[in-house]
């Protein structure tokens, strides 16, 4: 019988095998990294969506008891408004409606990222704004509170050009938008944040409330 010849592994075979192994490992890590980035991007998107919806509903709960006649300015299409002030009913006295102090909700500059075309706070978003609530506007007990940051200066798809770029009936619509449709006030809020891949994620929330007469 012929004995099978035994031979060792050559250096070339080792190099080829090692290279193939590294290619496979690299592909595995690439898939894992891509999956991780996708999960993180989805998380950022979900966080923005939840926050936007929560703040839009909060604004709605504040405005829902407002008298339509007290709403200033009256945010009619095609301009709408990025800020409204109003008064809420506190009941009746001597046959007349009693209105509470003036409340306002509106878009204001972020003090850390003023409206100058630059990313002053280095978070990847330019000219961000905030939503500010204020009670007893102009009165002796005036108080204010920032309700949310990371608000886009203009609504998603809009730029400042005196046109309705996103086709929703409003011109140069701001990142916080109020529009009155009959007795219904529609609130839109656009938040943005840079994702892990460096791209800016944008989410729009909408809420509508029917005002008192």
N, C-alpha and C. Protein backbone atom coordinates (compact mmCIF):
# COMPACT_ATOMS: atom_id res chain seq x y z
N UNK A 1 0.84 -1.19 0.00
CA UNK A 1 0.00 0.00 0.00
C UNK A 1 0.87 1.24 0.00
N UNK A 2 0.37 2.29 -0.66
CA UNK A 2 1.12 3.55 -0.68
C UNK A 2 0.71 4.39 0.52
N UNK A 3 1.68 4.84 1.17
CA UNK A 3 1.37 5.69 2.32
C UNK A 3 1.02 7.10 1.85
N UNK A 4 -0.03 7.66 2.45
CA UNK A 4 -0.40 9.05 2.11
C UNK A 4 0.72 9.97 2.53
N UNK A 5 1.06 10.85 1.64
CA UNK A 5 2.13 11.77 1.95
C UNK A 5 1.64 12.88 2.89
N UNK A 6 2.38 13.12 3.87
CA UNK A 6 2.03 14.18 4.81
C UNK A 6 2.80 15.43 4.46
N UNK A 7 2.13 16.57 4.50
CA UNK A 7 2.81 17.83 4.24
C UNK A 7 2.30 18.90 5.19
N UNK A 8 3.11 19.87 5.48
CA UNK A 8 2.73 20.96 6.37
C UNK A 8 2.00 22.07 5.63
N UNK A 9 1.45 22.99 6.37
CA UNK A 9 0.76 24.15 5.80
C UNK A 9 1.80 25.16 5.36
N UNK A 10 1.70 25.60 4.16
CA UNK A 10 2.68 26.56 3.66
C UNK A 10 2.38 27.95 4.17
N UNK A 11 3.37 28.82 4.12
CA UNK A 11 3.19 30.21 4.56
C UNK A 11 2.14 30.90 3.70
N UNK A 12 2.14 30.61 2.40
CA UNK A 12 1.15 31.23 1.51
C UNK A 12 -0.26 30.86 1.90
N UNK A 13 -0.47 29.57 2.24
CA UNK A 13 -1.80 29.12 2.66
C UNK A 13 -2.23 29.79 3.96
N UNK A 14 -1.29 29.98 4.87
CA UNK A 14 -1.60 30.66 6.13
C UNK A 14 -2.00 32.10 5.89
N UNK A 15 -1.26 32.75 4.98
CA UNK A 15 -1.58 34.15 4.67
C UNK A 15 -2.97 34.26 4.06
N UNK A 16 -3.26 33.37 3.11
CA UNK A 16 -4.59 33.39 2.45
C UNK A 16 -5.70 33.13 3.46
N UNK A 17 -5.48 32.13 4.33
CA UNK A 17 -6.51 31.80 5.33
C UNK A 17 -6.72 32.95 6.31
N UNK A 18 -5.62 33.57 6.73
CA UNK A 18 -5.72 34.69 7.66
C UNK A 18 -6.46 35.87 7.03
N UNK A 19 -6.13 36.15 5.75
CA UNK A 19 -6.79 37.25 5.04
C UNK A 19 -8.29 36.99 4.91
N UNK A 20 -8.65 35.76 4.58
CA UNK A 20 -10.07 35.41 4.46
C UNK A 20 -10.78 35.57 5.79
N UNK A 21 -10.10 35.14 6.87
CA UNK A 21 -10.68 35.26 8.21
C UNK A 21 -10.90 36.72 8.58
N UNK A 22 -9.93 37.59 8.25
CA UNK A 22 -10.05 39.01 8.57
C UNK A 22 -11.18 39.66 7.79
N UNK A 23 -11.35 39.23 6.53
CA UNK A 23 -12.45 39.76 5.72
C UNK A 23 -13.79 39.41 6.36
N UNK A 24 -13.93 38.15 6.79
CA UNK A 24 -15.18 37.71 7.42
C UNK A 24 -15.43 38.48 8.71
N UNK A 25 -14.38 38.60 9.55
CA UNK A 25 -14.53 39.33 10.81
C UNK A 25 -14.89 40.79 10.56
N UNK A 26 -14.23 41.40 9.55
CA UNK A 26 -14.54 42.79 9.22
C UNK A 26 -15.98 42.97 8.78
N UNK A 27 -16.47 42.02 8.00
CA UNK A 27 -17.85 42.10 7.54
C UNK A 27 -18.81 41.98 8.71
N UNK A 28 -18.49 41.08 9.64
CA UNK A 28 -19.35 40.89 10.82
C UNK A 28 -19.41 42.17 11.65
N UNK A 29 -18.25 42.78 11.91
CA UNK A 29 -18.22 44.00 12.70
C UNK A 29 -18.92 45.15 11.97
N UNK A 30 -18.80 45.18 10.64
CA UNK A 30 -19.48 46.22 9.86
C UNK A 30 -20.99 46.10 10.00
N UNK A 31 -21.48 44.87 9.92
CA UNK A 31 -22.92 44.64 10.08
C UNK A 31 -23.37 45.03 11.48
N UNK A 32 -22.58 44.65 12.49
CA UNK A 32 -22.94 44.98 13.87
C UNK A 32 -22.95 46.49 14.09
N UNK A 33 -21.93 47.19 13.52
CA UNK A 33 -21.85 48.64 13.68
C UNK A 33 -23.02 49.33 13.01
N UNK A 34 -23.36 48.86 11.79
CA UNK A 34 -24.50 49.44 11.06
C UNK A 34 -25.79 49.22 11.83
N UNK A 35 -25.94 47.99 12.38
CA UNK A 35 -27.14 47.70 13.16
C UNK A 35 -27.23 48.58 14.40
N UNK A 36 -26.08 48.80 15.05
CA UNK A 36 -26.06 49.66 16.24
C UNK A 36 -26.44 51.10 15.90
N UNK A 37 -25.92 51.61 14.78
CA UNK A 37 -26.24 52.97 14.37
C UNK A 37 -27.72 53.09 14.02
N UNK A 38 -28.25 52.04 13.38
CA UNK A 38 -29.67 52.05 13.02
C UNK A 38 -30.54 52.09 14.27
N UNK A 39 -30.18 51.28 15.27
CA UNK A 39 -30.93 51.27 16.53
C UNK A 39 -30.87 52.62 17.21
N UNK A 40 -29.66 53.23 17.23
CA UNK A 40 -29.51 54.53 17.88
C UNK A 40 -30.28 55.61 17.13
N UNK A 41 -30.23 55.56 15.79
CA UNK A 41 -30.97 56.55 14.99
C UNK A 41 -32.47 56.40 15.22
N UNK A 42 -32.94 55.15 15.31
CA UNK A 42 -34.36 54.90 15.58
C UNK A 42 -34.73 55.43 16.96
N UNK A 43 -33.81 55.27 17.92
CA UNK A 43 -34.06 55.77 19.28
C UNK A 43 -34.18 57.29 19.29
N UNK A 44 -33.28 57.99 18.59
CA UNK A 44 -33.34 59.46 18.51
C UNK A 44 -34.66 59.89 17.89
N UNK A 45 -35.04 59.24 16.79
CA UNK A 45 -36.29 59.58 16.11
C UNK A 45 -37.49 59.37 17.03
N UNK A 46 -37.50 58.24 17.75
CA UNK A 46 -38.60 57.96 18.66
C UNK A 46 -38.67 58.93 19.82
N UNK A 47 -37.50 59.31 20.34
CA UNK A 47 -37.48 60.27 21.43
C UNK A 47 -38.04 61.62 21.00
N UNK A 48 -37.63 62.08 19.80
CA UNK A 48 -38.13 63.36 19.29
C UNK A 48 -39.63 63.30 19.07
N UNK A 49 -40.10 62.18 18.52
CA UNK A 49 -41.53 62.04 18.25
C UNK A 49 -42.34 62.10 19.54
N UNK A 50 -41.90 61.36 20.55
CA UNK A 50 -42.62 61.35 21.83
C UNK A 50 -42.60 62.73 22.49
N UNK A 51 -41.43 63.38 22.47
CA UNK A 51 -41.33 64.70 23.09
C UNK A 51 -42.21 65.71 22.36
N UNK A 52 -42.18 65.68 21.02
CA UNK A 52 -43.00 66.61 20.24
C UNK A 52 -44.48 66.45 20.51
N UNK A 53 -44.94 65.20 20.55
CA UNK A 53 -46.35 64.94 20.80
C UNK A 53 -46.74 65.37 22.22
N UNK A 54 -45.86 65.14 23.18
CA UNK A 54 -46.15 65.51 24.57
C UNK A 54 -46.28 67.03 24.72
N UNK A 55 -45.37 67.77 24.09
CA UNK A 55 -45.42 69.23 24.21
C UNK A 55 -46.60 69.80 23.43
N UNK A 56 -46.90 69.25 22.27
CA UNK A 56 -48.05 69.73 21.49
C UNK A 56 -49.34 69.54 22.28
N UNK A 57 -49.47 68.40 22.95
CA UNK A 57 -50.67 68.17 23.78
C UNK A 57 -50.68 69.11 24.98
N UNK A 58 -49.52 69.39 25.54
CA UNK A 58 -49.45 70.30 26.69
C UNK A 58 -49.91 71.70 26.28
N UNK A 59 -49.47 72.15 25.13
CA UNK A 59 -49.92 73.44 24.63
C UNK A 59 -51.43 73.41 24.43
N UNK A 60 -51.91 72.31 23.86
CA UNK A 60 -53.35 72.18 23.63
C UNK A 60 -54.16 72.25 24.91
N UNK A 61 -53.67 71.58 25.97
CA UNK A 61 -54.39 71.62 27.25
C UNK A 61 -54.41 73.02 27.84
N UNK A 62 -53.37 73.81 27.56
CA UNK A 62 -53.30 75.18 28.06
C UNK A 62 -54.24 76.10 27.31
N UNK A 63 -54.36 75.86 26.02
CA UNK A 63 -55.13 76.77 25.16
C UNK A 63 -56.61 76.41 25.11
N UNK A 64 -56.96 75.16 25.44
CA UNK A 64 -58.31 74.67 25.18
C UNK A 64 -59.40 75.48 25.89
N UNK A 65 -59.07 76.09 27.02
CA UNK A 65 -60.08 76.88 27.74
C UNK A 65 -60.03 78.36 27.38
N UNK A 66 -59.22 78.69 26.36
CA UNK A 66 -59.13 80.08 25.94
C UNK A 66 -60.39 80.50 25.18
N UNK A 67 -60.74 81.74 25.33
CA UNK A 67 -61.82 82.28 24.52
C UNK A 67 -61.29 82.67 23.15
N UNK A 68 -61.98 82.24 22.11
CA UNK A 68 -61.51 82.56 20.75
C UNK A 68 -61.38 84.06 20.55
N UNK A 69 -62.25 84.82 21.22
CA UNK A 69 -62.22 86.28 21.06
C UNK A 69 -61.01 86.91 21.74
N UNK A 70 -60.35 86.16 22.66
CA UNK A 70 -59.18 86.70 23.36
C UNK A 70 -57.87 86.34 22.67
N UNK A 71 -57.94 85.53 21.63
CA UNK A 71 -56.74 85.02 20.97
C UNK A 71 -56.09 86.11 20.13
N UNK A 72 -54.85 86.43 20.44
CA UNK A 72 -54.11 87.45 19.71
C UNK A 72 -52.68 86.96 19.43
N UNK A 73 -52.20 87.16 18.18
CA UNK A 73 -53.00 87.57 17.03
C UNK A 73 -53.90 86.41 16.58
N UNK A 74 -54.89 86.71 15.77
CA UNK A 74 -55.73 85.64 15.24
C UNK A 74 -54.95 84.93 14.14
N UNK A 75 -54.51 83.71 14.37
CA UNK A 75 -53.58 83.05 13.45
C UNK A 75 -54.27 82.43 12.23
N UNK A 76 -54.61 83.26 11.30
CA UNK A 76 -55.30 82.80 10.10
C UNK A 76 -54.30 82.42 9.01
N UNK A 77 -54.69 81.44 8.19
CA UNK A 77 -53.90 81.09 7.02
C UNK A 77 -53.95 82.27 6.04
N UNK A 78 -52.92 82.50 5.22
CA UNK A 78 -51.78 81.61 5.00
C UNK A 78 -50.56 81.90 5.88
N UNK A 79 -50.68 82.85 6.83
CA UNK A 79 -49.52 83.20 7.64
C UNK A 79 -49.46 82.43 8.94
N UNK A 80 -50.62 82.20 9.58
CA UNK A 80 -50.60 81.58 10.89
C UNK A 80 -49.82 82.44 11.86
N UNK A 81 -49.27 81.84 12.90
CA UNK A 81 -48.48 82.58 13.86
C UNK A 81 -47.57 81.62 14.63
N UNK A 82 -46.42 82.12 15.07
CA UNK A 82 -45.52 81.30 15.89
C UNK A 82 -45.70 81.62 17.37
N UNK A 83 -46.64 82.51 17.68
CA UNK A 83 -46.89 82.88 19.08
C UNK A 83 -48.33 83.33 19.21
N UNK A 84 -48.98 82.94 20.30
CA UNK A 84 -50.32 83.43 20.59
C UNK A 84 -50.41 83.82 22.06
N UNK A 85 -51.24 84.80 22.33
CA UNK A 85 -51.60 85.13 23.70
C UNK A 85 -53.12 85.00 23.83
N UNK A 86 -53.57 84.71 25.03
CA UNK A 86 -55.00 84.43 25.21
C UNK A 86 -55.35 84.53 26.69
N UNK A 87 -56.65 84.50 26.97
CA UNK A 87 -57.15 84.46 28.33
C UNK A 87 -58.12 83.30 28.46
N UNK A 88 -58.11 82.68 29.62
CA UNK A 88 -58.98 81.54 29.86
C UNK A 88 -60.14 81.94 30.77
N UNK A 89 -61.28 81.32 30.53
CA UNK A 89 -62.46 81.62 31.33
C UNK A 89 -62.29 81.13 32.75
N UNK A 90 -62.70 81.98 33.71
CA UNK A 90 -62.69 81.59 35.12
C UNK A 90 -64.10 81.56 35.70
N UNK A 91 -65.07 81.50 34.81
CA UNK A 91 -66.46 81.41 35.25
C UNK A 91 -67.23 82.70 34.99
N UNK A 92 -68.39 82.78 35.63
CA UNK A 92 -69.28 83.93 35.44
C UNK A 92 -69.44 84.69 36.75
N UNK A 93 -69.61 85.99 36.62
CA UNK A 93 -69.88 86.84 37.79
C UNK A 93 -70.79 87.98 37.34
N UNK A 94 -71.92 88.11 38.03
CA UNK A 94 -72.88 89.17 37.69
C UNK A 94 -73.28 89.13 36.22
N UNK A 95 -73.44 87.88 35.72
CA UNK A 95 -73.91 87.70 34.35
C UNK A 95 -72.85 87.93 33.29
N UNK A 96 -71.61 88.11 33.67
CA UNK A 96 -70.55 88.36 32.69
C UNK A 96 -69.42 87.33 32.86
N UNK A 97 -68.78 86.99 31.74
CA UNK A 97 -67.67 86.07 31.78
C UNK A 97 -66.46 86.73 32.45
N UNK A 98 -65.81 86.00 33.34
CA UNK A 98 -64.61 86.51 34.00
C UNK A 98 -63.40 85.83 33.36
N UNK A 99 -62.49 86.66 32.86
CA UNK A 99 -61.31 86.12 32.19
C UNK A 99 -60.09 86.22 33.09
N UNK A 100 -59.23 85.22 33.00
CA UNK A 100 -58.02 85.18 33.80
C UNK A 100 -56.91 86.03 33.20
N UNK A 101 -55.72 85.96 33.76
CA UNK A 101 -54.59 86.75 33.27
C UNK A 101 -54.18 86.32 31.86
N UNK A 102 -53.47 87.20 31.18
CA UNK A 102 -53.02 86.91 29.82
C UNK A 102 -51.91 85.87 29.86
N UNK A 103 -52.08 84.84 29.05
CA UNK A 103 -51.09 83.78 28.92
C UNK A 103 -50.57 83.78 27.48
N UNK A 104 -49.30 83.50 27.32
CA UNK A 104 -48.76 83.40 25.96
C UNK A 104 -47.94 82.13 25.83
N UNK A 105 -47.95 81.57 24.63
CA UNK A 105 -47.09 80.46 24.27
C UNK A 105 -46.49 80.80 22.91
N UNK A 106 -45.17 80.74 22.81
CA UNK A 106 -44.59 81.15 21.54
C UNK A 106 -43.16 80.69 21.34
N UNK A 107 -42.69 80.91 20.15
CA UNK A 107 -41.33 80.55 19.74
C UNK A 107 -40.38 81.69 20.08
N UNK A 108 -39.28 81.35 20.74
CA UNK A 108 -38.27 82.34 21.07
C UNK A 108 -36.88 81.79 20.77
N UNK A 109 -35.93 82.69 20.56
CA UNK A 109 -34.56 82.27 20.29
C UNK A 109 -33.99 81.47 21.46
N UNK A 110 -33.15 80.49 21.13
CA UNK A 110 -32.37 79.80 22.14
C UNK A 110 -31.18 80.70 22.48
N UNK A 111 -31.01 81.04 23.73
CA UNK A 111 -29.94 81.98 24.10
C UNK A 111 -28.56 81.41 23.79
N UNK A 112 -28.47 80.08 23.67
CA UNK A 112 -27.18 79.46 23.36
C UNK A 112 -26.95 79.29 21.86
N UNK A 113 -27.98 79.57 21.07
CA UNK A 113 -27.86 79.43 19.62
C UNK A 113 -28.70 80.50 18.93
N UNK A 114 -28.27 81.76 19.01
CA UNK A 114 -29.05 82.86 18.44
C UNK A 114 -29.22 82.73 16.93
N UNK A 115 -30.17 83.47 16.41
CA UNK A 115 -30.53 83.40 14.99
C UNK A 115 -29.52 84.16 14.14
N UNK A 116 -28.37 83.50 13.86
CA UNK A 116 -27.32 84.16 13.09
C UNK A 116 -26.73 83.27 11.99
N UNK A 117 -27.41 82.14 11.70
CA UNK A 117 -26.94 81.26 10.65
C UNK A 117 -25.79 80.36 11.05
N UNK A 118 -25.48 80.27 12.35
CA UNK A 118 -24.36 79.47 12.82
C UNK A 118 -24.82 78.49 13.91
N UNK A 119 -24.06 77.41 14.05
CA UNK A 119 -24.32 76.43 15.11
C UNK A 119 -23.51 76.83 16.33
N UNK A 120 -24.01 77.80 17.08
CA UNK A 120 -23.24 78.38 18.18
C UNK A 120 -23.02 77.42 19.35
N UNK A 121 -23.94 76.50 19.58
CA UNK A 121 -23.78 75.59 20.71
C UNK A 121 -23.17 74.25 20.31
N UNK A 122 -22.81 74.11 19.03
CA UNK A 122 -22.09 72.94 18.57
C UNK A 122 -22.83 71.62 18.63
N UNK A 123 -24.16 71.66 18.55
CA UNK A 123 -24.91 70.41 18.62
C UNK A 123 -25.34 69.89 17.26
N UNK A 124 -24.84 70.53 16.19
CA UNK A 124 -25.15 70.06 14.84
C UNK A 124 -26.40 70.67 14.23
N UNK A 125 -27.12 71.49 14.97
CA UNK A 125 -28.33 72.15 14.46
C UNK A 125 -28.13 73.66 14.48
N UNK A 126 -28.63 74.32 13.47
CA UNK A 126 -28.39 75.76 13.30
C UNK A 126 -29.62 76.58 13.69
N UNK A 127 -29.38 77.63 14.47
CA UNK A 127 -30.44 78.59 14.83
C UNK A 127 -31.66 77.91 15.44
N UNK A 128 -31.41 77.09 16.44
CA UNK A 128 -32.53 76.44 17.14
C UNK A 128 -33.35 77.47 17.93
N UNK A 129 -34.54 77.07 18.27
CA UNK A 129 -35.40 77.95 19.05
C UNK A 129 -36.00 77.15 20.22
N UNK A 130 -36.74 77.83 21.05
CA UNK A 130 -37.40 77.21 22.20
C UNK A 130 -38.87 77.60 22.23
N UNK A 131 -39.67 76.79 22.89
CA UNK A 131 -41.07 77.14 23.15
C UNK A 131 -41.15 77.66 24.58
N UNK A 132 -41.65 78.89 24.73
CA UNK A 132 -41.72 79.53 26.04
C UNK A 132 -43.17 79.82 26.40
N UNK A 133 -43.56 79.41 27.60
CA UNK A 133 -44.88 79.70 28.17
C UNK A 133 -44.73 80.86 29.14
N UNK A 134 -45.67 81.80 29.11
CA UNK A 134 -45.63 82.95 30.01
C UNK A 134 -47.02 83.22 30.55
N UNK A 135 -47.11 83.50 31.85
CA UNK A 135 -48.38 83.80 32.51
C UNK A 135 -48.36 85.21 33.07
N UNK A 136 -49.54 85.85 33.02
CA UNK A 136 -49.70 87.23 33.49
C UNK A 136 -48.77 88.17 32.70
N UNK A 137 -48.86 88.02 31.38
CA UNK A 137 -47.99 88.80 30.49
C UNK A 137 -48.19 90.29 30.73
N UNK A 138 -47.11 90.99 31.02
CA UNK A 138 -47.19 92.42 31.25
C UNK A 138 -47.71 92.80 32.62
N UNK A 139 -48.05 91.80 33.44
CA UNK A 139 -48.60 92.07 34.76
C UNK A 139 -47.54 92.00 35.85
N UNK A 140 -47.95 92.28 37.08
CA UNK A 140 -46.99 92.31 38.20
C UNK A 140 -46.47 90.94 38.59
N UNK A 141 -47.20 89.89 38.22
CA UNK A 141 -46.81 88.53 38.61
C UNK A 141 -46.37 87.71 37.39
N UNK A 142 -45.79 88.37 36.42
CA UNK A 142 -45.40 87.67 35.19
C UNK A 142 -44.33 86.61 35.49
N UNK A 143 -44.58 85.41 34.99
CA UNK A 143 -43.63 84.31 35.10
C UNK A 143 -43.52 83.63 33.74
N UNK A 144 -42.36 83.03 33.49
CA UNK A 144 -42.17 82.34 32.21
C UNK A 144 -41.41 81.05 32.43
N UNK A 145 -41.53 80.15 31.47
CA UNK A 145 -40.90 78.84 31.58
C UNK A 145 -40.64 78.29 30.18
N UNK A 146 -39.44 77.76 29.99
CA UNK A 146 -39.13 77.10 28.72
C UNK A 146 -39.72 75.69 28.76
N UNK A 147 -40.57 75.39 27.79
CA UNK A 147 -41.22 74.08 27.77
C UNK A 147 -40.44 73.05 26.96
N UNK A 148 -39.76 73.50 25.91
CA UNK A 148 -38.98 72.55 25.11
C UNK A 148 -37.94 73.30 24.30
N UNK A 149 -36.79 72.66 24.12
CA UNK A 149 -35.73 73.20 23.29
C UNK A 149 -35.64 72.38 22.00
N UNK A 150 -34.61 72.61 21.21
CA UNK A 150 -34.39 71.86 19.96
C UNK A 150 -35.55 72.03 18.97
N UNK A 151 -36.14 73.21 18.96
CA UNK A 151 -37.21 73.50 18.01
C UNK A 151 -36.60 74.04 16.72
N UNK A 152 -37.03 73.51 15.60
CA UNK A 152 -36.52 73.97 14.31
C UNK A 152 -37.04 75.38 14.04
N UNK A 153 -36.20 76.22 13.46
CA UNK A 153 -36.59 77.61 13.20
C UNK A 153 -37.81 77.67 12.26
N UNK A 154 -37.78 76.85 11.23
CA UNK A 154 -38.92 76.76 10.30
C UNK A 154 -39.40 75.31 10.26
N UNK A 155 -40.67 75.15 9.93
CA UNK A 155 -41.27 73.83 9.85
C UNK A 155 -40.53 72.97 8.82
N UNK A 156 -40.57 71.67 9.01
CA UNK A 156 -39.90 70.75 8.10
C UNK A 156 -40.35 71.01 6.66
N UNK A 157 -39.39 71.22 5.77
CA UNK A 157 -39.71 71.50 4.37
C UNK A 157 -39.88 72.96 4.05
N UNK A 158 -39.82 73.83 5.06
CA UNK A 158 -40.01 75.27 4.84
C UNK A 158 -38.69 76.03 4.95
N UNK A 159 -38.55 77.04 4.13
CA UNK A 159 -37.48 78.01 4.26
C UNK A 159 -38.10 79.40 4.16
N UNK A 160 -37.37 80.41 4.57
CA UNK A 160 -37.91 81.76 4.57
C UNK A 160 -37.79 82.37 3.17
N UNK A 161 -38.87 82.26 2.41
CA UNK A 161 -38.87 82.78 1.04
C UNK A 161 -40.23 83.29 0.60
N UNK A 162 -41.13 83.51 1.59
CA UNK A 162 -42.47 84.02 1.31
C UNK A 162 -43.27 83.07 0.43
N UNK A 163 -43.02 81.76 0.58
CA UNK A 163 -43.76 80.76 -0.17
C UNK A 163 -44.16 79.62 0.75
N UNK A 164 -45.13 78.83 0.28
CA UNK A 164 -45.58 77.64 1.01
C UNK A 164 -44.80 76.44 0.47
N UNK A 165 -43.60 76.23 0.99
CA UNK A 165 -42.71 75.21 0.43
C UNK A 165 -43.19 73.78 0.69
N UNK A 166 -43.80 73.52 1.84
CA UNK A 166 -44.21 72.16 2.14
C UNK A 166 -45.67 71.88 1.79
N UNK A 167 -46.34 72.85 1.18
CA UNK A 167 -47.66 72.63 0.62
C UNK A 167 -48.78 72.40 1.61
N UNK A 168 -48.67 72.93 2.83
CA UNK A 168 -49.74 72.73 3.81
C UNK A 168 -50.59 73.98 4.01
N UNK A 169 -50.43 74.96 3.12
CA UNK A 169 -51.30 76.14 3.16
C UNK A 169 -50.76 77.30 3.94
N UNK A 170 -49.57 77.16 4.54
CA UNK A 170 -48.99 78.23 5.34
C UNK A 170 -47.67 78.69 4.73
N UNK A 171 -47.46 79.99 4.72
CA UNK A 171 -46.26 80.58 4.12
C UNK A 171 -45.21 80.81 5.19
N UNK A 172 -43.97 80.38 4.92
CA UNK A 172 -42.86 80.56 5.86
C UNK A 172 -43.24 80.10 7.26
N UNK A 173 -43.83 78.92 7.34
CA UNK A 173 -44.33 78.40 8.61
C UNK A 173 -43.18 78.13 9.58
N UNK A 174 -43.32 78.63 10.80
CA UNK A 174 -42.28 78.49 11.82
C UNK A 174 -42.32 77.10 12.44
N UNK A 175 -41.27 76.78 13.22
CA UNK A 175 -41.17 75.48 13.88
C UNK A 175 -42.24 75.26 14.94
N UNK A 176 -42.79 76.33 15.48
CA UNK A 176 -44.02 76.26 16.27
C UNK A 176 -45.05 77.06 15.51
N UNK A 177 -46.15 76.43 15.17
CA UNK A 177 -47.12 77.06 14.29
C UNK A 177 -48.53 76.93 14.85
N UNK A 178 -49.24 78.06 14.87
CA UNK A 178 -50.66 78.08 15.24
C UNK A 178 -51.45 78.55 14.02
N UNK A 179 -52.54 77.85 13.72
CA UNK A 179 -53.44 78.32 12.67
C UNK A 179 -54.87 78.04 13.11
N UNK A 180 -55.73 79.04 12.98
CA UNK A 180 -57.12 78.92 13.41
C UNK A 180 -57.99 78.53 12.21
N UNK A 181 -58.68 77.41 12.35
CA UNK A 181 -59.59 76.93 11.32
C UNK A 181 -60.99 76.88 11.91
N UNK A 182 -61.77 77.94 11.66
CA UNK A 182 -63.06 78.07 12.33
C UNK A 182 -62.82 78.31 13.81
N UNK A 183 -63.34 77.44 14.66
CA UNK A 183 -63.10 77.57 16.10
C UNK A 183 -62.04 76.56 16.58
N UNK A 184 -61.39 75.89 15.64
CA UNK A 184 -60.38 74.90 15.98
C UNK A 184 -58.98 75.48 15.78
N UNK A 185 -58.17 75.37 16.81
CA UNK A 185 -56.80 75.84 16.73
C UNK A 185 -55.89 74.64 16.49
N UNK A 186 -55.17 74.68 15.37
CA UNK A 186 -54.24 73.60 15.02
C UNK A 186 -52.83 74.01 15.45
N UNK A 187 -52.19 73.13 16.19
CA UNK A 187 -50.84 73.38 16.72
C UNK A 187 -49.88 72.41 16.06
N UNK A 188 -48.81 72.94 15.48
CA UNK A 188 -47.77 72.08 14.90
C UNK A 188 -46.43 72.45 15.53
N UNK A 189 -45.66 71.42 15.84
CA UNK A 189 -44.37 71.63 16.49
C UNK A 189 -43.33 70.76 15.80
N UNK A 190 -42.20 71.37 15.42
CA UNK A 190 -41.15 70.65 14.71
C UNK A 190 -39.86 70.66 15.55
N UNK A 191 -39.43 69.47 15.96
CA UNK A 191 -38.21 69.33 16.74
C UNK A 191 -37.11 68.71 15.88
N UNK A 192 -35.86 69.00 16.22
CA UNK A 192 -34.74 68.43 15.48
C UNK A 192 -33.60 68.10 16.44
N UNK A 193 -32.78 67.13 16.00
CA UNK A 193 -31.63 66.73 16.81
C UNK A 193 -30.66 65.95 15.92
N UNK A 194 -29.38 66.11 16.15
CA UNK A 194 -28.40 65.39 15.35
C UNK A 194 -28.31 63.94 15.83
N UNK A 195 -28.38 63.01 14.87
CA UNK A 195 -28.27 61.60 15.18
C UNK A 195 -26.82 61.16 15.29
N UNK A 196 -26.62 59.87 15.59
CA UNK A 196 -25.26 59.34 15.78
C UNK A 196 -24.46 59.34 14.49
N UNK A 197 -25.14 59.34 13.33
CA UNK A 197 -24.44 59.35 12.06
C UNK A 197 -24.13 60.76 11.58
N UNK A 198 -24.45 61.76 12.42
CA UNK A 198 -24.17 63.14 12.07
C UNK A 198 -25.29 63.85 11.33
N UNK A 199 -26.26 63.10 10.85
CA UNK A 199 -27.38 63.72 10.16
C UNK A 199 -28.43 64.22 11.15
N UNK A 200 -29.11 65.29 10.77
CA UNK A 200 -30.13 65.89 11.64
C UNK A 200 -31.46 65.17 11.45
N UNK A 201 -32.02 64.69 12.55
CA UNK A 201 -33.31 64.02 12.55
C UNK A 201 -34.39 65.06 12.88
N UNK A 202 -35.46 65.08 12.10
CA UNK A 202 -36.54 66.04 12.30
C UNK A 202 -37.87 65.31 12.46
N UNK A 203 -38.68 65.77 13.43
CA UNK A 203 -39.99 65.19 13.66
C UNK A 203 -41.02 66.30 13.88
N UNK A 204 -42.21 66.12 13.29
CA UNK A 204 -43.30 67.10 13.42
C UNK A 204 -44.46 66.47 14.18
N UNK A 205 -44.94 67.18 15.20
CA UNK A 205 -46.12 66.75 15.95
C UNK A 205 -47.26 67.73 15.69
N UNK A 206 -48.47 67.23 15.69
CA UNK A 206 -49.65 68.09 15.45
C UNK A 206 -50.74 67.75 16.45
N UNK A 207 -51.41 68.79 16.93
CA UNK A 207 -52.52 68.62 17.87
C UNK A 207 -53.54 69.72 17.59
N UNK A 208 -54.80 69.41 17.75
CA UNK A 208 -55.86 70.40 17.48
C UNK A 208 -56.83 70.46 18.67
N UNK A 209 -57.28 71.66 19.00
CA UNK A 209 -58.24 71.86 20.09
C UNK A 209 -59.32 72.83 19.63
N UNK A 210 -60.52 72.62 20.16
CA UNK A 210 -61.63 73.52 19.85
C UNK A 210 -61.75 74.55 20.96
N UNK A 211 -61.72 75.84 20.58
CA UNK A 211 -61.75 76.92 21.55
C UNK A 211 -63.17 77.28 21.93
N UNK A 212 -63.28 77.95 23.08
CA UNK A 212 -64.56 78.50 23.50
C UNK A 212 -64.90 79.72 22.62
N UNK A 213 -66.16 80.04 22.58
CA UNK A 213 -66.57 81.23 21.82
C UNK A 213 -66.22 82.51 22.58
